[in-house]
Amino acid sequence: ETMVRIAALKFLAAKGKVKATKDWIDDFLKSGEKLVFFATHKEILEYFLKCYPQAARIVSEDDAKLRQANVERFQRDTACNIIICAMGT
């Protein structure tokens, strides 16, 4: 029961940071630098994937070939400046 409560609180904290995080990412991407972004919660991950549909991605539902293609695109394509990665989703 305690672990369930902790997980719920972590999710609430993450949801509370979404707008500020998106604003920060938008500002960062203006620099032209590359950004590796990690998300833990599926709902948060899906939100950011919708916000940045051009982003490369590494998520569990993608097969290994697609994941590798996204890694290579992020590393080689100068127009691809964000990769969104899932942690534990």
PDB file of N, CA and C in Angstrom:
ATOM      1  N   GLU A   1       0.817  -1.186   0.000  1.00  0.00           N
ATOM      2  CA  GLU A   1       0.000   0.000   0.000  1.00  0.00           C
ATOM      3  C   GLU A   1       0.870   1.263   0.000  1.00  0.00           C
ATOM      4  N   THR A   2       1.936   1.239   0.740  1.00  0.00           N
ATOM      5  CA  THR A   2       2.832   2.401   0.794  1.00  0.00           C
ATOM      6  C   THR A   2       3.460   2.665  -0.560  1.00  0.00           C
ATOM      7  N   MET A   3       3.867   1.616  -1.243  1.00  0.00           N
ATOM      8  CA  MET A   3       4.490   1.775  -2.563  1.00  0.00           C
ATOM      9  C   MET A   3       3.493   2.345  -3.574  1.00  0.00           C
ATOM     10  N   VAL A   4       2.254   1.937  -3.480  1.00  0.00           N
ATOM     11  CA  VAL A   4       1.218   2.460  -4.374  1.00  0.00           C
ATOM     12  C   VAL A   4       1.035   3.953  -4.124  1.00  0.00           C
ATOM     13  N   ARG A   5       1.034   4.344  -2.876  1.00  0.00           N
ATOM     14  CA  ARG A   5       0.900   5.762  -2.546  1.00  0.00           C
ATOM     15  C   ARG A   5       2.096   6.567  -3.051  1.00  0.00           C
ATOM     16  N   ILE A   6       3.274   6.017  -2.880  1.00  0.00           N
ATOM     17  CA  ILE A   6       4.487   6.701  -3.364  1.00  0.00           C
ATOM     18  C   ILE A   6       4.416   6.875  -4.880  1.00  0.00           C
ATOM     19  N   ALA A   7       4.023   5.831  -5.592  1.00  0.00           N
ATOM     20  CA  ALA A   7       3.918   5.906  -7.058  1.00  0.00           C
ATOM     21  C   ALA A   7       2.891   6.963  -7.460  1.00  0.00           C
ATOM     22  N   ALA A   8       1.775   7.025  -6.762  1.00  0.00           N
ATOM     23  CA  ALA A   8       0.742   8.019  -7.073  1.00  0.00           C
ATOM     24  C   ALA A   8       1.271   9.429  -6.836  1.00  0.00           C
ATOM     25  N   LEU A   9       2.007   9.624  -5.759  1.00  0.00           N
ATOM     26  CA  LEU A   9       2.575  10.943  -5.477  1.00  0.00           C
ATOM     27  C   LEU A   9       3.625  11.334  -6.518  1.00  0.00           C
ATOM     28  N   LYS A  10       4.421  10.374  -6.959  1.00  0.00           N
ATOM     29  CA  LYS A  10       5.411  10.662  -8.005  1.00  0.00           C
ATOM     30  C   LYS A  10       4.717  11.090  -9.296  1.00  0.00           C
ATOM     31  N   PHE A  11       3.627  10.430  -9.629  1.00  0.00           N
ATOM     32  CA  PHE A  11       2.881  10.782 -10.836  1.00  0.00           C
ATOM     33  C   PHE A  11       2.277  12.182 -10.709  1.00  0.00           C
ATOM     34  N   LEU A  12       1.705  12.497  -9.558  1.00  0.00           N
ATOM     35  CA  LEU A  12       1.147  13.833  -9.343  1.00  0.00           C
ATOM     36  C   LEU A  12       2.230  14.909  -9.454  1.00  0.00           C
ATOM     37  N   ALA A  13       3.388  14.626  -8.909  1.00  0.00           N
ATOM     38  CA  ALA A  13       4.499  15.581  -9.001  1.00  0.00           C
ATOM     39  C   ALA A  13       4.897  15.780 -10.460  1.00  0.00           C
ATOM     40  N   ALA A  14       4.974  14.693 -11.213  1.00  0.00           N
ATOM     41  CA  ALA A  14       5.344  14.787 -12.636  1.00  0.00           C
ATOM     42  C   ALA A  14       4.298  15.594 -13.404  1.00  0.00           C
ATOM     43  N   LYS A  15       3.022  15.324 -13.158  1.00  0.00           N
ATOM     44  CA  LYS A  15       1.962  16.068 -13.853  1.00  0.00           C
ATOM     45  C   LYS A  15       2.040  17.557 -13.539  1.00  0.00           C
ATOM     46  N   GLY A  16       2.407  17.883 -12.317  1.00  0.00           N
ATOM     47  CA  GLY A  16       2.510  19.274 -11.928  1.00  0.00           C
ATOM     48  C   GLY A  16       3.639  20.024 -12.604  1.00  0.00           C
ATOM     49  N   LYS A  17       4.601  19.293 -13.152  1.00  0.00           N
ATOM     50  CA  LYS A  17       5.766  19.906 -13.795  1.00  0.00           C
ATOM     51  C   LYS A  17       5.669  19.953 -15.316  1.00  0.00           C
ATOM     52  N   VAL A  18       4.603  19.421 -15.890  1.00  0.00           N
ATOM     53  CA  VAL A  18       4.505  19.275 -17.339  1.00  0.00           C
ATOM     54  C   VAL A  18       4.595  20.612 -18.068  1.00  0.00           C
ATOM     55  N   LYS A  19       3.829  21.597 -17.662  1.00  0.00           N
ATOM     56  CA  LYS A  19       3.839  22.879 -18.378  1.00  0.00           C
ATOM     57  C   LYS A  19       5.211  23.538 -18.290  1.00  0.00           C
ATOM     58  N   ALA A  20       5.786  23.581 -17.114  1.00  0.00           N
ATOM     59  CA  ALA A  20       7.110  24.194 -16.954  1.00  0.00           C
ATOM     60  C   ALA A  20       8.159  23.427 -17.753  1.00  0.00           C
ATOM     61  N   THR A  21       8.037  22.113 -17.792  1.00  0.00           N
ATOM     62  CA  THR A  21       8.979  21.296 -18.562  1.00  0.00           C
ATOM     63  C   THR A  21       8.857  21.585 -20.048  1.00  0.00           C
ATOM     64  N   LYS A  22       7.623  21.651 -20.543  1.00  0.00           N
ATOM     65  CA  LYS A  22       7.429  21.952 -21.962  1.00  0.00           C
ATOM     66  C   LYS A  22       7.988  23.328 -22.303  1.00  0.00           C
ATOM     67  N   ASP A  23       7.735  24.314 -21.453  1.00  0.00           N
ATOM     68  CA  ASP A  23       8.273  25.654 -21.685  1.00  0.00           C
ATOM     69  C   ASP A  23       9.796  25.627 -21.731  1.00  0.00           C
ATOM     70  N   TRP A  24      10.400  24.875 -20.808  1.00  0.00           N
ATOM     71  CA  TRP A  24      11.864  24.773 -20.764  1.00  0.00           C
ATOM     72  C   TRP A  24      12.385  24.106 -22.038  1.00  0.00           C
ATOM     73  N   ILE A  25      11.746  23.014 -22.449  1.00  0.00           N
ATOM     74  CA  ILE A  25      12.174  22.310 -23.667  1.00  0.00           C
ATOM     75  C   ILE A  25      12.074  23.245 -24.870  1.00  0.00           C
ATOM     76  N   ASP A  26      10.960  23.956 -24.994  1.00  0.00           N
ATOM     77  CA  ASP A  26      10.785  24.883 -26.119  1.00  0.00           C
ATOM     78  C   ASP A  26      11.916  25.911 -26.152  1.00  0.00           C
ATOM     79  N   ASP A  27      12.243  26.468 -25.003  1.00  0.00           N
ATOM     80  CA  ASP A  27      13.343  27.434 -24.931  1.00  0.00           C
ATOM     81  C   ASP A  27      14.678  26.776 -25.286  1.00  0.00           C
ATOM     82  N   PHE A  28      14.917  25.589 -24.750  1.00  0.00           N
ATOM     83  CA  PHE A  28      16.170  24.898 -25.018  1.00  0.00           C
ATOM     84  C   PHE A  28      16.338  24.594 -26.501  1.00  0.00           C
ATOM     85  N   LEU A  29      15.280  24.139 -27.145  1.00  0.00           N
ATOM     86  CA  LEU A  29      15.373  23.762 -28.557  1.00  0.00           C
ATOM     87  C   LEU A  29      15.706  24.957 -29.447  1.00  0.00           C
ATOM     88  N   LYS A  30      15.405  26.159 -29.003  1.00  0.00           N
ATOM     89  CA  LYS A  30      15.778  27.351 -29.763  1.00  0.00           C
ATOM     90  C   LYS A  30      17.292  27.527 -29.847  1.00  0.00           C
ATOM     91  N   SER A  31      18.022  26.903 -28.935  1.00  0.00           N
ATOM     92  CA  SER A  31      19.484  27.021 -28.927  1.00  0.00           C
ATOM     93  C   SER A  31      20.135  26.237 -30.061  1.00  0.00           C
ATOM     94  N   GLY A  32      19.392  25.272 -30.632  1.00  0.00           N
ATOM     95  CA  GLY A  32      19.956  24.436 -31.681  1.00  0.00           C
ATOM     96  C   GLY A  32      20.730  23.233 -31.155  1.00  0.00           C
ATOM     97  N   GLU A  33      20.882  23.154 -29.848  1.00  0.00           N
ATOM     98  CA  GLU A  33      21.557  22.011 -29.235  1.00  0.00           C
ATOM     99  C   GLU A  33      20.626  20.805 -29.228  1.00  0.00           C
ATOM    100  N   LYS A  34      21.214  19.624 -29.087  1.00  0.00           N
ATOM    101  CA  LYS A  34      20.423  18.396 -29.017  1.00  0.00           C
ATOM    102  C   LYS A  34      20.021  18.122 -27.570  1.00  0.00           C
ATOM    103  N   LEU A  35      18.840  17.518 -27.414  1.00  0.00           N
ATOM    104  CA  LEU A  35      18.293  17.241 -26.088  1.00  0.00           C
ATOM    105  C   LEU A  35      17.837  15.794 -26.007  1.00  0.00           C
ATOM    106  N   VAL A  36      18.255  15.117 -24.948  1.00  0.00           N
ATOM    107  CA  VAL A  36      17.769  13.783 -24.635  1.00  0.00           C
ATOM    108  C   VAL A  36      16.796  13.942 -23.472  1.00  0.00           C
ATOM    109  N   PHE A  37      15.548  13.557 -23.689  1.00  0.00           N
ATOM    110  CA  PHE A  37      14.490  13.734 -22.695  1.00  0.00           C
ATOM    111  C   PHE A  37      13.983  12.366 -22.256  1.00  0.00           C
ATOM    112  N   PHE A  38      13.934  12.149 -20.948  1.00  0.00           N
ATOM    113  CA  PHE A  38      13.432  10.890 -20.390  1.00  0.00           C
ATOM    114  C   PHE A  38      12.122  11.128 -19.651  1.00  0.00           C
ATOM    115  N   ALA A  39      11.196  10.193 -19.796  1.00  0.00           N
ATOM    116  CA  ALA A  39       9.939  10.223 -19.045  1.00  0.00           C
ATOM    117  C   ALA A  39       9.701   8.842 -18.448  1.00  0.00           C
ATOM    118  N   THR A  40       9.101   8.823 -17.292  1.00  0.00           N
ATOM    119  CA  THR A  40       8.824   7.563 -16.613  1.00  0.00           C
ATOM    120  C   THR A  40       7.375   7.129 -16.773  1.00  0.00           C
ATOM    121  N   HIS A  41       6.461   8.060 -16.666  1.00  0.00           N
ATOM    122  CA  HIS A  41       5.031   7.733 -16.697  1.00  0.00           C
ATOM    123  C   HIS A  41       4.494   7.779 -18.126  1.00  0.00           C
ATOM    124  N   LYS A  42       3.720   6.773 -18.470  1.00  0.00           N
ATOM    125  CA  LYS A  42       3.210   6.631 -19.836  1.00  0.00           C
ATOM    126  C   LYS A  42       2.394   7.852 -20.279  1.00  0.00           C
ATOM    127  N   GLU A  43       1.546   8.376 -19.417  1.00  0.00           N
ATOM    128  CA  GLU A  43       0.723   9.535 -19.777  1.00  0.00           C
ATOM    129  C   GLU A  43       1.609  10.750 -20.086  1.00  0.00           C
ATOM    130  N   ILE A  44       2.634  10.941 -19.310  1.00  0.00           N
ATOM    131  CA  ILE A  44       3.561  12.052 -19.524  1.00  0.00           C
ATOM    132  C   ILE A  44       4.323  11.840 -20.829  1.00  0.00           C
ATOM    133  N   LEU A  45       4.797  10.625 -21.043  1.00  0.00           N
ATOM    134  CA  LEU A  45       5.515  10.276 -22.271  1.00  0.00           C
ATOM    135  C   LEU A  45       4.646  10.559 -23.495  1.00  0.00           C
ATOM    136  N   GLU A  46       3.419  10.108 -23.476  1.00  0.00           N
ATOM    137  CA  GLU A  46       2.518  10.308 -24.615  1.00  0.00           C
ATOM    138  C   GLU A  46       2.261  11.792 -24.866  1.00  0.00           C
ATOM    139  N   TYR A  47       2.140  12.569 -23.805  1.00  0.00           N
ATOM    140  CA  TYR A  47       1.929  14.013 -23.953  1.00  0.00           C
ATOM    141  C   TYR A  47       3.100  14.638 -24.715  1.00  0.00           C
ATOM    142  N   PHE A  48       4.330  14.322 -24.296  1.00  0.00           N
ATOM    143  CA  PHE A  48       5.483  14.931 -24.934  1.00  0.00           C
ATOM    144  C   PHE A  48       5.706  14.394 -26.351  1.00  0.00           C
ATOM    145  N   LEU A  49       5.357  13.154 -26.606  1.00  0.00           N
ATOM    146  CA  LEU A  49       5.440  12.641 -27.971  1.00  0.00           C
ATOM    147  C   LEU A  49       4.465  13.380 -28.894  1.00  0.00           C
ATOM    148  N   LYS A  50       3.308  13.757 -28.370  1.00  0.00           N
ATOM    149  CA  LYS A  50       2.349  14.541 -29.163  1.00  0.00           C
ATOM    150  C   LYS A  50       2.831  15.974 -29.351  1.00  0.00           C
ATOM    151  N   CYS A  51       3.467  16.525 -28.328  1.00  0.00           N
ATOM    152  CA  CYS A  51       3.987  17.899 -28.427  1.00  0.00           C
ATOM    153  C   CYS A  51       5.113  18.011 -29.447  1.00  0.00           C
ATOM    154  N   TYR A  52       5.911  16.954 -29.561  1.00  0.00           N
ATOM    155  CA  TYR A  52       7.084  16.972 -30.436  1.00  0.00           C
ATOM    156  C   TYR A  52       7.043  15.767 -31.386  1.00  0.00           C
ATOM    157  N   PRO A  53       6.103  15.777 -32.328  1.00  0.00           N
ATOM    158  CA  PRO A  53       5.964  14.617 -33.217  1.00  0.00           C
ATOM    159  C   PRO A  53       7.183  14.382 -34.107  1.00  0.00           C
ATOM    160  N   GLN A  54       8.011  15.400 -34.301  1.00  0.00           N
ATOM    161  CA  GLN A  54       9.213  15.257 -35.112  1.00  0.00           C
ATOM    162  C   GLN A  54      10.363  14.616 -34.338  1.00  0.00           C
ATOM    163  N   ALA A  55      10.190  14.437 -33.036  1.00  0.00           N
ATOM    164  CA  ALA A  55      11.265  13.908 -32.193  1.00  0.00           C
ATOM    165  C   ALA A  55      11.578  12.458 -32.525  1.00  0.00           C
ATOM    166  N   ALA A  56      12.844  12.108 -32.390  1.00  0.00           N
ATOM    167  CA  ALA A  56      13.213  10.698 -32.387  1.00  0.00           C
ATOM    168  C   ALA A  56      12.709  10.135 -31.059  1.00  0.00           C
ATOM    169  N   ARG A  57      12.553   8.816 -30.985  1.00  0.00           N
ATOM    170  CA  ARG A  57      11.999   8.241 -29.767  1.00  0.00           C
ATOM    171  C   ARG A  57      12.540   6.858 -29.494  1.00  0.00           C
ATOM    172  N   ILE A  58      12.624   6.542 -28.237  1.00  0.00           N
ATOM    173  CA  ILE A  58      12.967   5.194 -27.795  1.00  0.00           C
ATOM    174  C   ILE A  58      11.930   4.819 -26.747  1.00  0.00           C
ATOM    175  N   VAL A  59      10.966   4.004 -27.160  1.00  0.00           N
ATOM    176  CA  VAL A  59       9.900   3.571 -26.253  1.00  0.00           C
ATOM    177  C   VAL A  59       9.701   2.067 -26.389  1.00  0.00           C
ATOM    178  N   SER A  60       9.160   1.478 -25.349  1.00  0.00           N
ATOM    179  CA  SER A  60       9.092   0.020 -25.267  1.00  0.00           C
ATOM    180  C   SER A  60       8.274  -0.625 -26.374  1.00  0.00           C
ATOM    181  N   GLU A  61       7.236   0.041 -26.862  1.00  0.00           N
ATOM    182  CA  GLU A  61       6.403  -0.614 -27.882  1.00  0.00           C
ATOM    183  C   GLU A  61       7.049  -0.645 -29.266  1.00  0.00           C
ATOM    184  N   ASP A  62       8.129   0.101 -29.452  1.00  0.00           N
ATOM    185  CA  ASP A  62       8.839   0.077 -30.732  1.00  0.00           C
ATOM    186  C   ASP A  62       9.793  -1.118 -30.768  1.00  0.00           C
ATOM    187  N   ASP A  63       9.899  -1.744 -31.931  1.00  0.00           N
ATOM    188  CA  ASP A  63      10.828  -2.875 -32.029  1.00  0.00           C
ATOM    189  C   ASP A  63      12.272  -2.364 -32.082  1.00  0.00           C
ATOM    190  N   ALA A  64      13.205  -3.283 -31.921  1.00  0.00           N
ATOM    191  CA  ALA A  64      14.625  -2.932 -31.828  1.00  0.00           C
ATOM    192  C   ALA A  64      15.119  -2.205 -33.076  1.00  0.00           C
ATOM    193  N   LYS A  65      14.630  -2.611 -34.249  1.00  0.00           N
ATOM    194  CA  LYS A  65      15.056  -1.979 -35.499  1.00  0.00           C
ATOM    195  C   LYS A  65      14.628  -0.505 -35.548  1.00  0.00           C
ATOM    196  N   LEU A  66      13.383  -0.238 -35.159  1.00  0.00           N
ATOM    197  CA  LEU A  66      12.887   1.136 -35.142  1.00  0.00           C
ATOM    198  C   LEU A  66      13.616   1.977 -34.101  1.00  0.00           C
ATOM    199  N   ARG A  67      13.864   1.388 -32.935  1.00  0.00           N
ATOM    200  CA  ARG A  67      14.604   2.117 -31.899  1.00  0.00           C
ATOM    201  C   ARG A  67      15.983   2.514 -32.402  1.00  0.00           C
ATOM    202  N   GLN A  68      16.675   1.568 -33.039  1.00  0.00           N
ATOM    203  CA  GLN A  68      18.021   1.857 -33.545  1.00  0.00           C
ATOM    204  C   GLN A  68      17.973   2.928 -34.639  1.00  0.00           C
ATOM    205  N   ALA A  69      16.965   2.867 -35.483  1.00  0.00           N
ATOM    206  CA  ALA A  69      16.819   3.880 -36.535  1.00  0.00           C
ATOM    207  C   ALA A  69      16.623   5.260 -35.914  1.00  0.00           C
ATOM    208  N   ASN A  70      15.874   5.331 -34.827  1.00  0.00           N
ATOM    209  CA  ASN A  70      15.665   6.605 -34.145  1.00  0.00           C
ATOM    210  C   ASN A  70      16.950   7.108 -33.497  1.00  0.00           C
ATOM    211  N   VAL A  71      17.723   6.221 -32.915  1.00  0.00           N
ATOM    212  CA  VAL A  71      19.010   6.611 -32.327  1.00  0.00           C
ATOM    213  C   VAL A  71      19.915   7.183 -33.409  1.00  0.00           C
ATOM    214  N   GLU A  72      19.997   6.496 -34.529  1.00  0.00           N
ATOM    215  CA  GLU A  72      20.854   6.956 -35.620  1.00  0.00           C
ATOM    216  C   GLU A  72      20.365   8.287 -36.196  1.00  0.00           C
ATOM    217  N   ARG A  73      19.056   8.449 -36.314  1.00  0.00           N
ATOM    218  CA  ARG A  73      18.516   9.722 -36.806  1.00  0.00           C
ATOM    219  C   ARG A  73      18.878  10.859 -35.859  1.00  0.00           C
ATOM    220  N   PHE A  74      18.729  10.630 -34.569  1.00  0.00           N
ATOM    221  CA  PHE A  74      19.058  11.658 -33.585  1.00  0.00           C
ATOM    222  C   PHE A  74      20.545  12.020 -33.639  1.00  0.00           C
ATOM    223  N   GLN A  75      21.389  11.007 -33.791  1.00  0.00           N
ATOM    224  CA  GLN A  75      22.827  11.253 -33.797  1.00  0.00           C
ATOM    225  C   GLN A  75      23.319  11.904 -35.084  1.00  0.00           C
ATOM    226  N   ARG A  76      22.721  11.575 -36.213  1.00  0.00           N
ATOM    227  CA  ARG A  76      23.247  12.010 -37.513  1.00  0.00           C
ATOM    228  C   ARG A  76      22.499  13.168 -38.166  1.00  0.00           C
ATOM    229  N   ASP A  77      21.215  13.271 -37.909  1.00  0.00           N
ATOM    230  CA  ASP A  77      20.385  14.282 -38.577  1.00  0.00           C
ATOM    231  C   ASP A  77      20.447  15.591 -37.799  1.00  0.00           C
ATOM    232  N   THR A  78      21.024  16.610 -38.404  1.00  0.00           N
ATOM    233  CA  THR A  78      21.159  17.896 -37.709  1.00  0.00           C
ATOM    234  C   THR A  78      19.806  18.559 -37.464  1.00  0.00           C
ATOM    235  N   ALA A  79      18.786  18.178 -38.217  1.00  0.00           N
ATOM    236  CA  ALA A  79      17.447  18.739 -38.026  1.00  0.00           C
ATOM    237  C   ALA A  79      16.695  18.060 -36.866  1.00  0.00           C
ATOM    238  N   CYS A  80      17.182  16.910 -36.420  1.00  0.00           N
ATOM    239  CA  CYS A  80      16.547  16.177 -35.320  1.00  0.00           C
ATOM    240  C   CYS A  80      17.291  16.545 -34.033  1.00  0.00           C
ATOM    241  N   ASN A  81      16.684  17.432 -33.244  1.00  0.00           N
ATOM    242  CA  ASN A  81      17.403  17.901 -32.067  1.00  0.00           C
ATOM    243  C   ASN A  81      16.785  17.468 -30.742  1.00  0.00           C
ATOM    244  N   ILE A  82      15.843  16.517 -30.797  1.00  0.00           N
ATOM    245  CA  ILE A  82      15.281  15.972 -29.539  1.00  0.00           C
ATOM    246  C   ILE A  82      14.979  14.497 -29.720  1.00  0.00           C
ATOM    247  N   ILE A  83      15.326  13.727 -28.691  1.00  0.00           N
ATOM    248  CA  ILE A  83      14.939  12.316 -28.632  1.00  0.00           C
ATOM    249  C   ILE A  83      14.218  12.120 -27.306  1.00  0.00           C
ATOM    250  N   ILE A  84      13.063  11.492 -27.373  1.00  0.00           N
ATOM    251  CA  ILE A  84      12.243  11.251 -26.193  1.00  0.00           C
ATOM    252  C   ILE A  84      12.354   9.774 -25.854  1.00  0.00           C
ATOM    253  N   CYS A  85      12.771   9.503 -24.631  1.00  0.00           N
ATOM    254  CA  CYS A  85      13.029   8.128 -24.198  1.00  0.00           C
ATOM    255  C   CYS A  85      12.134   7.764 -23.029  1.00  0.00           C
ATOM    256  N   ALA A  86      11.723   6.518 -22.989  1.00  0.00           N
ATOM    257  CA  ALA A  86      10.881   6.017 -21.895  1.00  0.00           C
ATOM    258  C   ALA A  86      11.758   5.300 -20.882  1.00  0.00           C
ATOM    259  N   MET A  87      11.428   5.508 -19.637  1.00  0.00           N
ATOM    260  CA  MET A  87      12.077   4.776 -18.546  1.00  0.00           C
ATOM    261  C   MET A  87      11.017   3.969 -17.831  1.00  0.00           C
ATOM    262  N   GLY A  88      11.030   2.681 -18.018  1.00  0.00           N
ATOM    263  CA  GLY A  88      10.129   1.822 -17.275  1.00  0.00           C
ATOM    264  C   GLY A  88       8.672   1.851 -17.689  1.00  0.00           C
ATOM    265  N   THR A  89       8.382   2.333 -18.901  1.00  0.00           N
ATOM    266  CA  THR A  89       6.972   2.333 -19.324  1.00  0.00           C
ATOM    267  C   THR A  89       6.742   1.223 -20.311  1.00  0.00           C
TER     268      THR A  89
END
